[in-house]
């Protein structure tokens, strides 16, 4: 239930151009996946922690868990700092138009 609520809150954050709130939702989601569902790993948790310490707005595991990947949201001005904190485990991605919410 909490993840479904976060999805609705994330849509609202996007609609309001509120990257800070969206980042916190990513972080809250990671904590839930780690603590409640226990599908994270120390490696993924470390990447999330390193990203946040480097100035990311939020981060969470993605994929299947148990060793998947981490998605990180950061401002462009902090990109190089966050990238350096996560090196060599970085694949850059830019958001696309995605699905339309009605």
Foldseek 3Di string as FASTA:
>chain_A
DVLVVLVVVLVVCVVVVNLLSNQVSQAVVQCCCCPVVVQADPVQVQLQVLLVVLAWSHKHADDRGPDGHMDTHHDPVSVVSSPVSNPPPDDDDDDDPDDDDD
